[in-house]
């Protein structure tokens, strides 16, 4: 009897593609495209040990620091994770996964308050405070306070774009000088939340339960002033740092025209900006870790910050 039961289990495993049950005993359902900017399929946990882990920069908010190889103070990439402002954490650190510490760049991966904890502007306040903390402690961490890069994807792209366009101002922080950045790398970040929510094919972002509505504390189209305050494009001026924008042409979550809008506004203001649209790429994915995309980022950083 025991042998027959074991045989039956083995046969079921083979016929079922060896897919075991979940914790509830039900086979997992197919993946569903997210309704908000929270798909980070090209990001995984870090692949190298952090030099300083779980460093408290403000209240309960923490960051991890990965030291770049080389002598002397290293340029610093401040990585801001995605997840629709409502999920994700600092372990999702794309520059570390892509080996930027081995290329001479230190990387700080930061947590920030998620929208379930606090609505906007808590997220950008935390990001700017993290930047200021890192600059204050630049000598301790061995980083060059004159070469800070804000880089993020999706919701993180929105936050680094906002950090860039408010760089040098007291918007969202009293420390205007400390929270400046010298370059921005924005991967498919939302730029104008009302325009996003009214783009044909993307109008689910206007729903009351969308990531953007959760961020603003109410439906996007009813929170137009809050949305304006949260839009990176609101603050664009000629003093903004150089920006590299990368977006997939087939992004089903954040429409590519969002990045075109940002590019055009920065260009009109006289800010050095480059937009790369990757044909066929979606919301994250292997195209954003491909060698030519990594080289694009390296060339941009070397051009505007000098070699590491």
Protein backbone atom coordinates (compact mmCIF):
# COMPACT_ATOMS: atom_id res chain seq x y z
CA UNK A 1 0.00 0.00 0.00
CA UNK A 2 2.79 2.45 0.92
CA UNK A 3 4.62 1.67 -2.33
CA UNK A 4 1.44 2.27 -4.36
CA UNK A 5 0.91 5.64 -2.63
CA UNK A 6 4.49 6.73 -3.28
CA UNK A 7 4.19 5.68 -6.93
CA UNK A 8 0.95 7.65 -7.28
CA UNK A 9 2.59 10.75 -5.82
CA UNK A 10 5.52 10.45 -8.20
CA UNK A 11 3.23 10.04 -11.21
CA UNK A 12 1.19 13.08 -10.16
CA UNK A 13 4.39 15.08 -9.90
CA UNK A 14 5.43 14.12 -13.42
CA UNK A 15 2.00 14.67 -14.97
CA UNK A 16 1.63 17.98 -13.16
CA UNK A 17 5.00 19.28 -14.37
CA UNK A 18 6.47 18.67 -10.88
CA UNK A 19 4.69 21.78 -9.60
CA UNK A 20 4.21 21.44 -5.89
CA UNK A 21 1.40 23.06 -3.89
CA UNK A 22 1.72 26.39 -2.19
CA UNK A 23 1.42 26.79 1.55
CA UNK A 24 -2.37 26.71 1.17
CA UNK A 25 -2.27 23.53 -0.92
CA UNK A 26 -3.28 25.34 -4.12
CA UNK A 27 -1.03 25.52 -7.16
CA UNK A 28 0.20 29.07 -7.84
CA UNK A 29 -1.73 31.11 -10.40
CA UNK A 30 -0.03 32.63 -13.45
CA UNK A 31 1.70 35.94 -12.89
CA UNK A 32 -0.34 39.05 -13.55
CA UNK A 33 1.00 42.31 -14.91
CA UNK A 34 0.94 44.79 -12.03
CA UNK A 35 -1.50 47.70 -12.02
CA UNK A 36 1.07 50.16 -10.73
CA UNK A 37 4.78 50.87 -11.27
CA UNK A 38 6.04 48.00 -9.14
CA UNK A 39 7.45 45.42 -11.54
CA UNK A 40 11.17 45.01 -10.88
CA UNK A 41 11.93 41.75 -12.65
CA UNK A 42 15.54 42.69 -13.33
CA UNK A 43 16.34 43.16 -9.63
CA UNK A 44 17.31 40.55 -7.07
CA UNK A 45 18.98 40.54 -3.68
CA UNK A 46 22.55 41.76 -3.53
CA UNK A 47 25.27 39.47 -4.88
CA UNK A 48 28.22 40.86 -2.88
CA UNK A 49 28.51 41.60 0.85
CA UNK A 50 27.70 45.11 2.01
CA UNK A 51 30.54 47.13 3.52
CA UNK A 52 28.13 48.70 6.01
CA UNK A 53 24.70 47.12 6.42
CA UNK A 54 21.53 48.47 8.03
CA UNK A 55 22.99 51.90 8.73
CA UNK A 56 20.35 54.13 10.32
CA UNK A 57 20.18 57.45 8.48
CA UNK A 58 16.92 58.75 9.97
CA UNK A 59 14.48 57.36 12.53
CA UNK A 60 13.84 53.75 11.53
CA UNK A 61 15.06 54.20 7.95
CA UNK A 62 18.21 52.36 6.96
CA UNK A 63 20.63 51.96 4.10
CA UNK A 64 23.33 49.55 2.96
CA UNK A 65 26.69 50.79 1.66
CA UNK A 66 28.83 48.90 -0.84
CA UNK A 67 32.34 50.33 -1.20
CA UNK A 68 33.70 50.88 -4.67
CA UNK A 69 37.10 49.46 -5.57
CA UNK A 70 39.97 51.87 -5.93
CA UNK A 71 41.92 54.37 -3.89
CA UNK A 72 40.70 57.72 -2.68
CA UNK A 73 37.10 58.86 -2.22
CA UNK A 74 34.79 57.06 -4.63
CA UNK A 75 31.85 58.53 -6.53
CA UNK A 76 28.60 57.43 -4.91
CA UNK A 77 25.47 55.99 -6.53
CA UNK A 78 22.41 56.42 -4.32
CA UNK A 79 20.02 53.65 -5.44
CA UNK A 80 16.29 54.10 -4.79
CA UNK A 81 14.17 50.97 -5.27
CA UNK A 82 10.84 50.70 -7.05
CA UNK A 83 7.67 48.92 -5.99
CA UNK A 84 4.90 51.45 -6.62
CA UNK A 85 5.95 53.39 -3.48
CA UNK A 86 4.16 50.62 -1.58
CA UNK A 87 6.53 47.64 -1.62
CA UNK A 88 10.18 46.71 -2.14
CA UNK A 89 13.26 47.48 -0.09
CA UNK A 90 16.98 48.21 -0.27
CA UNK A 91 17.88 44.59 -1.10
CA UNK A 92 16.62 45.25 -4.64
CA UNK A 93 19.84 46.98 -5.65
CA UNK A 94 20.41 46.91 -9.39
CA UNK A 95 23.80 48.74 -9.47
CA UNK A 96 25.25 46.18 -7.07
CA UNK A 97 23.90 43.32 -9.15
CA UNK A 98 25.47 44.89 -12.22
CA UNK A 99 28.88 45.14 -10.56
CA UNK A 100 29.23 48.90 -10.18
CA UNK A 101 31.29 48.56 -6.97
CA UNK A 102 33.83 46.53 -8.95
CA UNK A 103 33.85 49.36 -11.51
CA UNK A 104 34.91 51.89 -8.87
CA UNK A 105 31.54 53.26 -7.74
CA UNK A 106 30.36 53.04 -4.17
CA UNK A 107 26.65 52.27 -3.93
CA UNK A 108 24.21 53.19 -1.17
CA UNK A 109 20.88 51.33 -1.32
CA UNK A 110 18.26 53.16 0.71
CA UNK A 111 14.93 52.33 2.27
CA UNK A 112 12.21 54.95 2.53
CA UNK A 113 8.75 55.13 4.06
CA UNK A 114 6.20 53.31 1.93
CA UNK A 115 2.80 54.77 1.12
CA UNK A 116 0.97 52.48 3.58
CA UNK A 117 3.06 54.06 6.35
CA UNK A 118 2.94 57.67 5.18
CA UNK A 119 1.67 59.44 2.05
CA UNK A 120 3.69 61.75 -0.15
CA UNK A 121 5.96 63.68 0.48
CA UNK A 122 7.40 61.25 3.06
CA UNK A 123 9.18 59.25 0.35
CA UNK A 124 11.13 62.12 -1.20
CA UNK A 125 11.84 63.60 2.24
CA UNK A 126 13.51 60.32 3.18
CA UNK A 127 15.49 60.09 -0.05
CA UNK A 128 16.79 63.63 0.29
CA UNK A 129 17.60 63.07 3.97
CA UNK A 130 19.51 59.91 3.04
CA UNK A 131 21.55 61.89 0.52
CA UNK A 132 22.30 64.56 3.11
CA UNK A 133 23.31 61.91 5.67
CA UNK A 134 25.68 60.30 3.19
CA UNK A 135 27.25 63.64 2.31
CA UNK A 136 27.70 64.55 5.98
CA UNK A 137 29.42 61.20 6.51
CA UNK A 138 31.26 61.12 3.21
CA UNK A 139 34.72 60.87 4.79
CA UNK A 140 33.60 58.02 7.04
CA UNK A 141 32.24 56.05 4.09
CA UNK A 142 35.12 56.95 1.78
CA UNK A 143 32.92 58.62 -0.84
CA UNK A 144 33.40 61.80 -2.84
CA UNK A 145 30.87 64.38 -1.62
CA UNK A 146 31.21 66.22 -4.94
CA UNK A 147 30.09 63.24 -7.05
CA UNK A 148 26.70 61.90 -5.97
CA UNK A 149 24.42 60.13 -8.45
CA UNK A 150 20.73 59.39 -7.77
CA UNK A 151 19.59 56.29 -9.68
CA UNK A 152 16.30 54.45 -9.43
CA UNK A 153 13.68 52.53 -11.38
CA UNK A 154 9.90 52.86 -11.64
CA UNK A 155 8.71 54.49 -8.39
CA UNK A 156 12.41 54.84 -7.56
CA UNK A 157 12.88 56.53 -10.94
CA UNK A 158 10.19 59.02 -9.97
CA UNK A 159 11.91 59.73 -6.65
CA UNK A 160 15.38 60.23 -8.14
CA UNK A 161 13.93 62.45 -10.86
CA UNK A 162 12.29 64.48 -8.11
CA UNK A 163 15.54 64.53 -6.12
CA UNK A 164 17.26 65.86 -9.23
CA UNK A 165 14.77 68.57 -10.11
CA UNK A 166 14.65 69.78 -6.48
CA UNK A 167 18.43 69.49 -6.04
CA UNK A 168 19.86 72.65 -4.52
CA UNK A 169 16.48 73.81 -3.22
CA UNK A 170 14.76 73.51 0.15
CA UNK A 171 11.81 71.63 -1.35
CA UNK A 172 11.09 68.65 0.92
CA UNK A 173 14.18 69.27 3.08
CA UNK A 174 15.81 72.11 5.02
CA UNK A 175 19.27 70.93 3.88
CA UNK A 176 19.45 72.25 0.33
CA UNK A 177 23.22 71.93 -0.01
CA UNK A 178 23.58 68.55 1.66
CA UNK A 179 20.93 66.83 -0.43
CA UNK A 180 22.20 67.90 -3.85
CA UNK A 181 23.10 65.35 -6.52
CA UNK A 182 25.39 65.84 -9.49
CA UNK A 183 23.66 63.41 -11.86
CA UNK A 184 20.43 61.42 -12.19
CA UNK A 185 19.71 58.07 -13.85
CA UNK A 186 15.96 57.57 -14.21
CA UNK A 187 14.71 54.14 -15.31
CA UNK A 188 11.06 54.40 -16.47
CA UNK A 189 9.87 56.64 -13.63
CA UNK A 190 6.47 58.39 -13.63
CA UNK A 191 6.92 62.11 -14.24
CA UNK A 192 3.41 63.62 -14.41
CA UNK A 193 0.85 61.63 -12.43
CA UNK A 194 -2.26 63.26 -13.91
CA UNK A 195 -0.97 62.80 -17.46
CA UNK A 196 -0.15 59.19 -16.58
CA UNK A 197 -3.64 58.51 -15.24
CA UNK A 198 -5.29 59.98 -18.35
CA UNK A 199 -3.13 58.25 -20.96
CA UNK A 200 -5.25 55.88 -23.07
CA UNK A 201 -4.48 52.31 -22.07
CA UNK A 202 -3.13 53.38 -18.67
CA UNK A 203 -6.24 54.86 -17.06
CA UNK A 204 -6.27 52.23 -14.29
CA UNK A 205 -3.76 54.54 -12.60
CA UNK A 206 -6.74 56.84 -11.90
CA UNK A 207 -8.44 54.15 -9.81
CA UNK A 208 -8.83 54.82 -6.10
CA UNK A 209 -6.70 51.77 -5.28
CA UNK A 210 -3.87 52.50 -7.72
CA UNK A 211 -0.31 52.93 -6.53
CA UNK A 212 -0.42 56.62 -7.42
CA UNK A 213 -3.68 57.19 -5.53
CA UNK A 214 -2.25 55.40 -2.50
CA UNK A 215 0.80 57.64 -2.72
CA UNK A 216 -1.25 60.84 -2.84
CA UNK A 217 -3.83 59.78 -0.26
CA UNK A 218 -6.77 59.81 -2.68
CA UNK A 219 -7.71 59.28 -6.34
CA UNK A 220 -5.18 60.95 -8.62
CA UNK A 221 -7.73 62.98 -10.55
CA UNK A 222 -9.18 64.32 -7.30
CA UNK A 223 -5.73 65.17 -5.91
CA UNK A 224 -4.44 67.33 -8.73
CA UNK A 225 -2.60 69.80 -6.51
CA UNK A 226 -0.91 66.98 -4.59
CA UNK A 227 -0.05 65.37 -7.91
CA UNK A 228 1.44 68.61 -9.20
CA UNK A 229 3.60 68.82 -6.08
CA UNK A 230 4.72 65.22 -6.61
CA UNK A 231 5.56 65.65 -10.29
CA UNK A 232 9.29 65.95 -11.05
CA UNK A 233 8.43 68.02 -14.13
CA UNK A 234 6.95 70.73 -11.88
CA UNK A 235 10.41 71.72 -10.63
CA UNK A 236 12.49 71.56 -13.80
CA UNK A 237 14.89 74.50 -14.25
CA UNK A 238 18.27 75.12 -15.82
CA UNK A 239 20.12 74.38 -12.58
CA UNK A 240 19.11 70.71 -12.57
CA UNK A 241 21.86 68.06 -12.81
CA UNK A 242 22.45 66.06 -16.02
CA UNK A 243 19.97 63.25 -16.47
CA UNK A 244 19.96 59.91 -18.28
CA UNK A 245 16.48 58.48 -18.89
CA UNK A 246 15.91 54.87 -19.99
CA UNK A 247 12.51 53.43 -20.87
CA UNK A 248 11.12 50.37 -22.64
CA UNK A 249 9.05 51.01 -25.75
CA UNK A 250 6.53 48.32 -24.70
CA UNK A 251 6.22 49.31 -21.03
CA UNK A 252 2.70 48.26 -19.95
CA UNK A 253 2.86 50.07 -16.60
CA UNK A 254 4.41 53.50 -17.16
CA UNK A 255 3.80 54.86 -20.68
CA UNK A 256 6.98 55.81 -22.58
CA UNK A 257 5.63 59.34 -23.25
CA UNK A 258 6.27 60.03 -19.54
CA UNK A 259 10.01 59.84 -20.18
CA UNK A 260 9.69 61.86 -23.39
CA UNK A 261 7.88 64.55 -21.41
CA UNK A 262 10.70 64.67 -18.87
CA UNK A 263 13.36 64.72 -21.58
CA UNK A 264 11.67 67.57 -23.43
CA UNK A 265 11.22 69.67 -20.29
CA UNK A 266 14.86 69.25 -19.25
CA UNK A 267 16.08 69.96 -22.77
CA UNK A 268 13.96 73.11 -23.01
CA UNK A 269 15.51 74.29 -19.73
CA UNK A 270 19.02 73.74 -21.06
CA UNK A 271 19.82 70.75 -18.85
CA UNK A 272 22.09 68.05 -20.34
CA UNK A 273 19.76 65.09 -20.88
CA UNK A 274 19.75 61.84 -22.82
CA UNK A 275 16.76 59.59 -23.46
CA UNK A 276 17.22 55.97 -24.53
CA UNK A 277 14.08 54.01 -25.46
CA UNK A 278 14.80 50.27 -25.63
CA UNK A 279 12.78 48.64 -28.44
CA UNK A 280 10.43 45.95 -27.18
CA UNK A 281 11.46 46.28 -23.53
CA UNK A 282 8.73 46.30 -20.88
CA UNK A 283 8.69 47.48 -17.26
CA UNK A 284 12.08 46.18 -16.20
CA UNK A 285 13.59 42.99 -17.53
CA UNK A 286 16.92 41.75 -18.88
CA UNK A 287 17.25 44.59 -21.39
CA UNK A 288 18.00 46.95 -18.53
CA UNK A 289 20.91 44.78 -17.40
CA UNK A 290 22.28 44.13 -20.89
CA UNK A 291 25.92 45.12 -21.51
CA UNK A 292 25.01 47.95 -23.87
CA UNK A 293 22.65 49.47 -21.28
CA UNK A 294 25.28 49.19 -18.55
CA UNK A 295 27.81 50.79 -20.91
CA UNK A 296 25.32 53.59 -21.56
CA UNK A 297 25.17 54.36 -17.83
CA UNK A 298 28.95 54.13 -17.44
CA UNK A 299 29.52 56.51 -20.35
CA UNK A 300 26.97 58.97 -18.96
CA UNK A 301 28.56 58.94 -15.51
CA UNK A 302 32.08 59.27 -16.87
CA UNK A 303 31.03 62.16 -19.12
CA UNK A 304 29.40 64.20 -16.37
CA UNK A 305 31.34 63.15 -13.26
CA UNK A 306 34.70 62.10 -14.65
CA UNK A 307 36.14 58.59 -14.39
CA UNK A 308 35.68 56.78 -11.06
